[in-house]
Amino acid sequence: MRTHKAAVTSNEAVLDGGRPIEERIDRLARAWVEDGRARDHLVTGTAFHAVYCWYLRHRPEGHAPSRAAFVTAS
């Protein structure tokens, strides 16, 4: 009998503190773009709040277009 590990959701990826949040967001934004901007890649709830707060705090530094589009779509 095989067991399958469930795929990590975007929300789980954001909330996993193993990597810097910027790296996590960039990785998710790239996956979102590469998958045709599929809605299931977007973040919600607490993960969205974390992403949005980080995004607003670092806004003066500028963001890559894919990152900005990902946050806006979420």
PDB file of N, CA and C in Angstrom:
ATOM      1  N   MET A   1       0.842  -1.173   0.000  1.00  0.00           N
ATOM      2  CA  MET A   1       0.000   0.000   0.000  1.00  0.00           C
ATOM      3  C   MET A   1       0.889   1.238   0.000  1.00  0.00           C
ATOM      4  N   ARG A   2       0.639   2.118  -0.946  1.00  0.00           N
ATOM      5  CA  ARG A   2       1.416   3.348  -1.030  1.00  0.00           C
ATOM      6  C   ARG A   2       0.685   4.462  -0.316  1.00  0.00           C
ATOM      7  N   THR A   3       1.460   5.270   0.365  1.00  0.00           N
ATOM      8  CA  THR A   3       0.876   6.473   0.941  1.00  0.00           C
ATOM      9  C   THR A   3       1.477   7.654   0.209  1.00  0.00           C
ATOM     10  N   HIS A   4       0.656   8.618  -0.061  1.00  0.00           N
ATOM     11  CA  HIS A   4       1.111   9.808  -0.757  1.00  0.00           C
ATOM     12  C   HIS A   4       1.141  10.973   0.211  1.00  0.00           C
ATOM     13  N   LYS A   5       2.248  11.660   0.197  1.00  0.00           N
ATOM     14  CA  LYS A   5       2.347  12.859   1.004  1.00  0.00           C
ATOM     15  C   LYS A   5       1.581  13.961   0.281  1.00  0.00           C
ATOM     16  N   ALA A   6       0.711  14.617   0.989  1.00  0.00           N
ATOM     17  CA  ALA A   6      -0.060  15.694   0.380  1.00  0.00           C
ATOM     18  C   ALA A   6       0.871  16.812  -0.062  1.00  0.00           C
ATOM     19  N   ALA A   7       0.538  17.411  -1.184  1.00  0.00           N
ATOM     20  CA  ALA A   7       1.321  18.540  -1.674  1.00  0.00           C
ATOM     21  C   ALA A   7       1.202  19.696  -0.691  1.00  0.00           C
ATOM     22  N   VAL A   8       2.271  20.414  -0.543  1.00  0.00           N
ATOM     23  CA  VAL A   8       2.285  21.575   0.338  1.00  0.00           C
ATOM     24  C   VAL A   8       1.500  22.691  -0.345  1.00  0.00           C
ATOM     25  N   THR A   9       0.562  23.262   0.370  1.00  0.00           N
ATOM     26  CA  THR A   9      -0.202  24.360  -0.197  1.00  0.00           C
ATOM     27  C   THR A   9       0.610  25.643  -0.135  1.00  0.00           C
ATOM     28  N   SER A  10       0.169  26.628  -0.891  1.00  0.00           N
ATOM     29  CA  SER A  10       0.840  27.928  -0.858  1.00  0.00           C
ATOM     30  C   SER A  10       0.775  28.524   0.535  1.00  0.00           C
ATOM     31  N   ASN A  11      -0.363  28.365   1.206  1.00  0.00           N
ATOM     32  CA  ASN A  11      -0.486  28.894   2.564  1.00  0.00           C
ATOM     33  C   ASN A  11       0.533  28.250   3.492  1.00  0.00           C
ATOM     34  N   GLU A  12       0.691  26.945   3.397  1.00  0.00           N
ATOM     35  CA  GLU A  12       1.673  26.252   4.238  1.00  0.00           C
ATOM     36  C   GLU A  12       3.089  26.696   3.902  1.00  0.00           C
ATOM     37  N   ALA A  13       3.362  26.907   2.621  1.00  0.00           N
ATOM     38  CA  ALA A  13       4.701  27.339   2.206  1.00  0.00           C
ATOM     39  C   ALA A  13       5.038  28.708   2.786  1.00  0.00           C
ATOM     40  N   VAL A  14       4.066  29.613   2.817  1.00  0.00           N
ATOM     41  CA  VAL A  14       4.306  30.940   3.384  1.00  0.00           C
ATOM     42  C   VAL A  14       4.574  30.847   4.876  1.00  0.00           C
ATOM     43  N   LEU A  15       3.806  30.038   5.565  1.00  0.00           N
ATOM     44  CA  LEU A  15       3.886  29.980   7.017  1.00  0.00           C
ATOM     45  C   LEU A  15       5.027  29.107   7.529  1.00  0.00           C
ATOM     46  N   ASP A  16       5.687  28.363   6.646  1.00  0.00           N
ATOM     47  CA  ASP A  16       6.844  27.559   7.027  1.00  0.00           C
ATOM     48  C   ASP A  16       8.052  28.473   7.145  1.00  0.00           C
ATOM     49  N   GLY A  17       8.583  28.618   8.327  1.00  0.00           N
ATOM     50  CA  GLY A  17       9.673  29.558   8.569  1.00  0.00           C
ATOM     51  C   GLY A  17      11.052  29.053   8.187  1.00  0.00           C
ATOM     52  N   GLY A  18      11.138  28.009   7.402  1.00  0.00           N
ATOM     53  CA  GLY A  18      12.431  27.427   7.050  1.00  0.00           C
ATOM     54  C   GLY A  18      13.301  28.271   6.143  1.00  0.00           C
ATOM     55  N   ARG A  19      12.698  29.179   5.396  1.00  0.00           N
ATOM     56  CA  ARG A  19      13.429  30.039   4.463  1.00  0.00           C
ATOM     57  C   ARG A  19      12.963  31.472   4.664  1.00  0.00           C
ATOM     58  N   PRO A  20      13.753  32.442   4.231  1.00  0.00           N
ATOM     59  CA  PRO A  20      13.314  33.838   4.329  1.00  0.00           C
ATOM     60  C   PRO A  20      12.000  34.038   3.566  1.00  0.00           C
ATOM     61  N   ILE A  21      11.129  34.882   4.090  1.00  0.00           N
ATOM     62  CA  ILE A  21       9.811  35.054   3.483  1.00  0.00           C
ATOM     63  C   ILE A  21       9.906  35.549   2.048  1.00  0.00           C
ATOM     64  N   GLU A  22      10.869  36.413   1.754  1.00  0.00           N
ATOM     65  CA  GLU A  22      11.018  36.893   0.378  1.00  0.00           C
ATOM     66  C   GLU A  22      11.258  35.737  -0.582  1.00  0.00           C
ATOM     67  N   GLU A  23      12.086  34.800  -0.174  1.00  0.00           N
ATOM     68  CA  GLU A  23      12.370  33.628  -1.004  1.00  0.00           C
ATOM     69  C   GLU A  23      11.114  32.784  -1.189  1.00  0.00           C
ATOM     70  N   ARG A  24      10.343  32.611  -0.118  1.00  0.00           N
ATOM     71  CA  ARG A  24       9.105  31.829  -0.208  1.00  0.00           C
ATOM     72  C   ARG A  24       8.114  32.484  -1.158  1.00  0.00           C
ATOM     73  N   ILE A  25       7.963  33.795  -1.049  1.00  0.00           N
ATOM     74  CA  ILE A  25       7.015  34.517  -1.899  1.00  0.00           C
ATOM     75  C   ILE A  25       7.468  34.466  -3.360  1.00  0.00           C
ATOM     76  N   ASP A  26       8.738  34.674  -3.604  1.00  0.00           N
ATOM     77  CA  ASP A  26       9.248  34.617  -4.979  1.00  0.00           C
ATOM     78  C   ASP A  26       9.026  33.242  -5.590  1.00  0.00           C
ATOM     79  N   ARG A  27       9.267  32.211  -4.834  1.00  0.00           N
ATOM     80  CA  ARG A  27       9.069  30.839  -5.322  1.00  0.00           C
ATOM     81  C   ARG A  27       7.593  30.605  -5.662  1.00  0.00           C
ATOM     82  N   LEU A  28       6.707  31.055  -4.797  1.00  0.00           N
ATOM     83  CA  LEU A  28       5.271  30.891  -5.047  1.00  0.00           C
ATOM     84  C   LEU A  28       4.812  31.706  -6.246  1.00  0.00           C
ATOM     85  N   ALA A  29       5.320  32.927  -6.366  1.00  0.00           N
ATOM     86  CA  ALA A  29       4.947  33.783  -7.500  1.00  0.00           C
ATOM     87  C   ALA A  29       5.404  33.157  -8.821  1.00  0.00           C
ATOM     88  N   ARG A  30       6.611  32.607  -8.838  1.00  0.00           N
ATOM     89  CA  ARG A  30       7.101  31.945 -10.053  1.00  0.00           C
ATOM     90  C   ARG A  30       6.235  30.743 -10.411  1.00  0.00           C
ATOM     91  N   ALA A  31       5.898  29.925  -9.424  1.00  0.00           N
ATOM     92  CA  ALA A  31       5.052  28.753  -9.672  1.00  0.00           C
ATOM     93  C   ALA A  31       3.683  29.178 -10.190  1.00  0.00           C
ATOM     94  N   TRP A  32       3.155  30.248  -9.624  1.00  0.00           N
ATOM     95  CA  TRP A  32       1.855  30.768 -10.046  1.00  0.00           C
ATOM     96  C   TRP A  32       1.894  31.195 -11.515  1.00  0.00           C
ATOM     97  N   VAL A  33       2.927  31.931 -11.900  1.00  0.00           N
ATOM     98  CA  VAL A  33       3.059  32.384 -13.290  1.00  0.00           C
ATOM     99  C   VAL A  33       3.260  31.186 -14.214  1.00  0.00           C
ATOM    100  N   GLU A  34       4.162  30.264 -13.840  1.00  0.00           N
ATOM    101  CA  GLU A  34       4.457  29.098 -14.674  1.00  0.00           C
ATOM    102  C   GLU A  34       3.251  28.194 -14.866  1.00  0.00           C
ATOM    103  N   ASP A  35       2.322  28.203 -13.925  1.00  0.00           N
ATOM    104  CA  ASP A  35       1.128  27.361 -14.008  1.00  0.00           C
ATOM    105  C   ASP A  35      -0.062  28.136 -14.576  1.00  0.00           C
ATOM    106  N   GLY A  36       0.231  29.191 -15.312  1.00  0.00           N
ATOM    107  CA  GLY A  36      -0.836  29.935 -15.962  1.00  0.00           C
ATOM    108  C   GLY A  36      -1.670  30.776 -15.020  1.00  0.00           C
ATOM    109  N   ARG A  37      -1.049  31.184 -13.917  1.00  0.00           N
ATOM    110  CA  ARG A  37      -1.718  32.027 -12.915  1.00  0.00           C
ATOM    111  C   ARG A  37      -2.959  31.337 -12.324  1.00  0.00           C
ATOM    112  N   ALA A  38      -2.786  30.068 -12.066  1.00  0.00           N
ATOM    113  CA  ALA A  38      -3.869  29.258 -11.495  1.00  0.00           C
ATOM    114  C   ALA A  38      -4.219  29.743 -10.093  1.00  0.00           C
ATOM    115  N   ARG A  39      -5.495  29.844  -9.842  1.00  0.00           N
ATOM    116  CA  ARG A  39      -5.997  30.366  -8.575  1.00  0.00           C
ATOM    117  C   ARG A  39      -5.565  29.542  -7.359  1.00  0.00           C
ATOM    118  N   ASP A  40      -5.345  28.250  -7.557  1.00  0.00           N
ATOM    119  CA  ASP A  40      -4.983  27.396  -6.419  1.00  0.00           C
ATOM    120  C   ASP A  40      -3.578  27.679  -5.884  1.00  0.00           C
ATOM    121  N   HIS A  41      -2.815  28.530  -6.560  1.00  0.00           N
ATOM    122  CA  HIS A  41      -1.494  28.923  -6.063  1.00  0.00           C
ATOM    123  C   HIS A  41      -1.538  30.151  -5.148  1.00  0.00           C
ATOM    124  N   LEU A  42      -2.670  30.838  -5.120  1.00  0.00           N
ATOM    125  CA  LEU A  42      -2.757  32.073  -4.349  1.00  0.00           C
ATOM    126  C   LEU A  42      -2.853  31.775  -2.850  1.00  0.00           C
ATOM    127  N   VAL A  43      -2.524  32.767  -2.041  1.00  0.00           N
ATOM    128  CA  VAL A  43      -2.561  32.605  -0.595  1.00  0.00           C
ATOM    129  C   VAL A  43      -3.816  33.262  -0.025  1.00  0.00           C
ATOM    130  N   THR A  44      -4.249  32.741   1.115  1.00  0.00           N
ATOM    131  CA  THR A  44      -5.455  33.237   1.771  1.00  0.00           C
ATOM    132  C   THR A  44      -5.226  33.288   3.282  1.00  0.00           C
ATOM    133  N   GLY A  45      -6.164  33.887   3.968  1.00  0.00           N
ATOM    134  CA  GLY A  45      -6.161  33.882   5.428  1.00  0.00           C
ATOM    135  C   GLY A  45      -4.898  34.434   6.044  1.00  0.00           C
ATOM    136  N   THR A  46      -4.405  33.737   7.045  1.00  0.00           N
ATOM    137  CA  THR A  46      -3.216  34.161   7.784  1.00  0.00           C
ATOM    138  C   THR A  46      -2.008  34.279   6.875  1.00  0.00           C
ATOM    139  N   ALA A  47      -1.861  33.369   5.944  1.00  0.00           N
ATOM    140  CA  ALA A  47      -0.727  33.425   5.006  1.00  0.00           C
ATOM    141  C   ALA A  47      -0.811  34.691   4.160  1.00  0.00           C
ATOM    142  N   PHE A  48      -2.005  35.042   3.690  1.00  0.00           N
ATOM    143  CA  PHE A  48      -2.152  36.275   2.919  1.00  0.00           C
ATOM    144  C   PHE A  48      -1.786  37.482   3.778  1.00  0.00           C
ATOM    145  N   HIS A  49      -2.239  37.485   5.006  1.00  0.00           N
ATOM    146  CA  HIS A  49      -1.943  38.606   5.905  1.00  0.00           C
ATOM    147  C   HIS A  49      -0.426  38.769   6.076  1.00  0.00           C
ATOM    148  N   ALA A  50       0.271  37.669   6.269  1.00  0.00           N
ATOM    149  CA  ALA A  50       1.730  37.717   6.418  1.00  0.00           C
ATOM    150  C   ALA A  50       2.391  38.259   5.152  1.00  0.00           C
ATOM    151  N   VAL A  51       1.952  37.765   3.998  1.00  0.00           N
ATOM    152  CA  VAL A  51       2.516  38.211   2.721  1.00  0.00           C
ATOM    153  C   VAL A  51       2.227  39.696   2.503  1.00  0.00           C
ATOM    154  N   TYR A  52       1.003  40.098   2.745  1.00  0.00           N
ATOM    155  CA  TYR A  52       0.613  41.479   2.489  1.00  0.00           C
ATOM    156  C   TYR A  52       1.339  42.457   3.416  1.00  0.00           C
ATOM    157  N   CYS A  53       1.462  42.103   4.683  1.00  0.00           N
ATOM    158  CA  CYS A  53       2.201  42.963   5.618  1.00  0.00           C
ATOM    159  C   CYS A  53       3.657  43.082   5.190  1.00  0.00           C
ATOM    160  N   TRP A  54       4.272  41.976   4.821  1.00  0.00           N
ATOM    161  CA  TRP A  54       5.654  42.014   4.348  1.00  0.00           C
ATOM    162  C   TRP A  54       5.749  42.875   3.097  1.00  0.00           C
ATOM    163  N   TYR A  55       4.814  42.677   2.170  1.00  0.00           N
ATOM    164  CA  TYR A  55       4.799  43.418   0.910  1.00  0.00           C
ATOM    165  C   TYR A  55       4.711  44.923   1.151  1.00  0.00           C
ATOM    166  N   LEU A  56       3.802  45.329   2.015  1.00  0.00           N
ATOM    167  CA  LEU A  56       3.643  46.754   2.298  1.00  0.00           C
ATOM    168  C   LEU A  56       4.877  47.334   2.978  1.00  0.00           C
ATOM    169  N   ARG A  57       5.474  46.588   3.877  1.00  0.00           N
ATOM    170  CA  ARG A  57       6.652  47.060   4.604  1.00  0.00           C
ATOM    171  C   ARG A  57       7.839  47.275   3.667  1.00  0.00           C
ATOM    172  N   HIS A  58       7.955  46.456   2.653  1.00  0.00           N
ATOM    173  CA  HIS A  58       9.096  46.519   1.741  1.00  0.00           C
ATOM    174  C   HIS A  58       8.760  47.202   0.417  1.00  0.00           C
ATOM    175  N   ARG A  59       7.610  47.788   0.342  1.00  0.00           N
ATOM    176  CA  ARG A  59       7.179  48.419  -0.903  1.00  0.00           C
ATOM    177  C   ARG A  59       8.143  49.493  -1.412  1.00  0.00           C
ATOM    178  N   PRO A  60       8.709  50.351  -0.559  1.00  0.00           N
ATOM    179  CA  PRO A  60       9.621  51.372  -1.075  1.00  0.00           C
ATOM    180  C   PRO A  60      10.821  50.795  -1.826  1.00  0.00           C
ATOM    181  N   GLU A  61      11.205  49.580  -1.501  1.00  0.00           N
ATOM    182  CA  GLU A  61      12.341  48.950  -2.164  1.00  0.00           C
ATOM    183  C   GLU A  61      11.972  48.427  -3.543  1.00  0.00           C
ATOM    184  N   GLY A  62      10.698  48.368  -3.825  1.00  0.00           N
ATOM    185  CA  GLY A  62      10.241  47.852  -5.111  1.00  0.00           C
ATOM    186  C   GLY A  62      10.100  46.348  -5.098  1.00  0.00           C
ATOM    187  N   HIS A  63       9.306  45.870  -5.987  1.00  0.00           N
ATOM    188  CA  HIS A  63       9.057  44.436  -6.086  1.00  0.00           C
ATOM    189  C   HIS A  63       9.108  44.012  -7.542  1.00  0.00           C
ATOM    190  N   ALA A  64       9.491  42.776  -7.761  1.00  0.00           N
ATOM    191  CA  ALA A  64       9.449  42.209  -9.102  1.00  0.00           C
ATOM    192  C   ALA A  64       7.996  42.210  -9.579  1.00  0.00           C
ATOM    193  N   PRO A  65       7.769  42.405 -10.874  1.00  0.00           N
ATOM    194  CA  PRO A  65       6.390  42.429 -11.374  1.00  0.00           C
ATOM    195  C   PRO A  65       5.588  41.167 -11.043  1.00  0.00           C
ATOM    196  N   SER A  66       6.226  39.996 -11.101  1.00  0.00           N
ATOM    197  CA  SER A  66       5.501  38.762 -10.791  1.00  0.00           C
ATOM    198  C   SER A  66       5.098  38.714  -9.320  1.00  0.00           C
ATOM    199  N   ARG A  67       5.950  39.231  -8.448  1.00  0.00           N
ATOM    200  CA  ARG A  67       5.640  39.256  -7.020  1.00  0.00           C
ATOM    201  C   ARG A  67       4.463  40.199  -6.761  1.00  0.00           C
ATOM    202  N   ALA A  68       4.501  41.380  -7.347  1.00  0.00           N
ATOM    203  CA  ALA A  68       3.421  42.340  -7.174  1.00  0.00           C
ATOM    204  C   ALA A  68       2.105  41.788  -7.715  1.00  0.00           C
ATOM    205  N   ALA A  69       2.141  41.146  -8.869  1.00  0.00           N
ATOM    206  CA  ALA A  69       0.929  40.572  -9.456  1.00  0.00           C
ATOM    207  C   ALA A  69       0.382  39.447  -8.576  1.00  0.00           C
ATOM    208  N   PHE A  70       1.275  38.637  -8.015  1.00  0.00           N
ATOM    209  CA  PHE A  70       0.863  37.525  -7.148  1.00  0.00           C
ATOM    210  C   PHE A  70       0.148  38.057  -5.901  1.00  0.00           C
ATOM    211  N   VAL A  71       0.716  39.067  -5.271  1.00  0.00           N
ATOM    212  CA  VAL A  71       0.106  39.640  -4.060  1.00  0.00           C
ATOM    213  C   VAL A  71      -1.230  40.268  -4.412  1.00  0.00           C
ATOM    214  N   THR A  72      -1.286  41.013  -5.502  1.00  0.00           N
ATOM    215  CA  THR A  72      -2.530  41.649  -5.922  1.00  0.00           C
ATOM    216  C   THR A  72      -3.617  40.609  -6.214  1.00  0.00           C
ATOM    217  N   ALA A  73      -3.253  39.532  -6.889  1.00  0.00           N
ATOM    218  CA  ALA A  73      -4.231  38.481  -7.223  1.00  0.00           C
ATOM    219  C   ALA A  73      -4.710  37.750  -5.978  1.00  0.00           C
ATOM    220  N   SER A  74      -3.825  37.586  -5.001  1.00  0.00           N
ATOM    221  CA  SER A  74      -4.226  36.895  -3.765  1.00  0.00           C
ATOM    222  C   SER A  74      -5.224  37.727  -3.015  1.00  0.00           C
TER     223      SER A  74
END
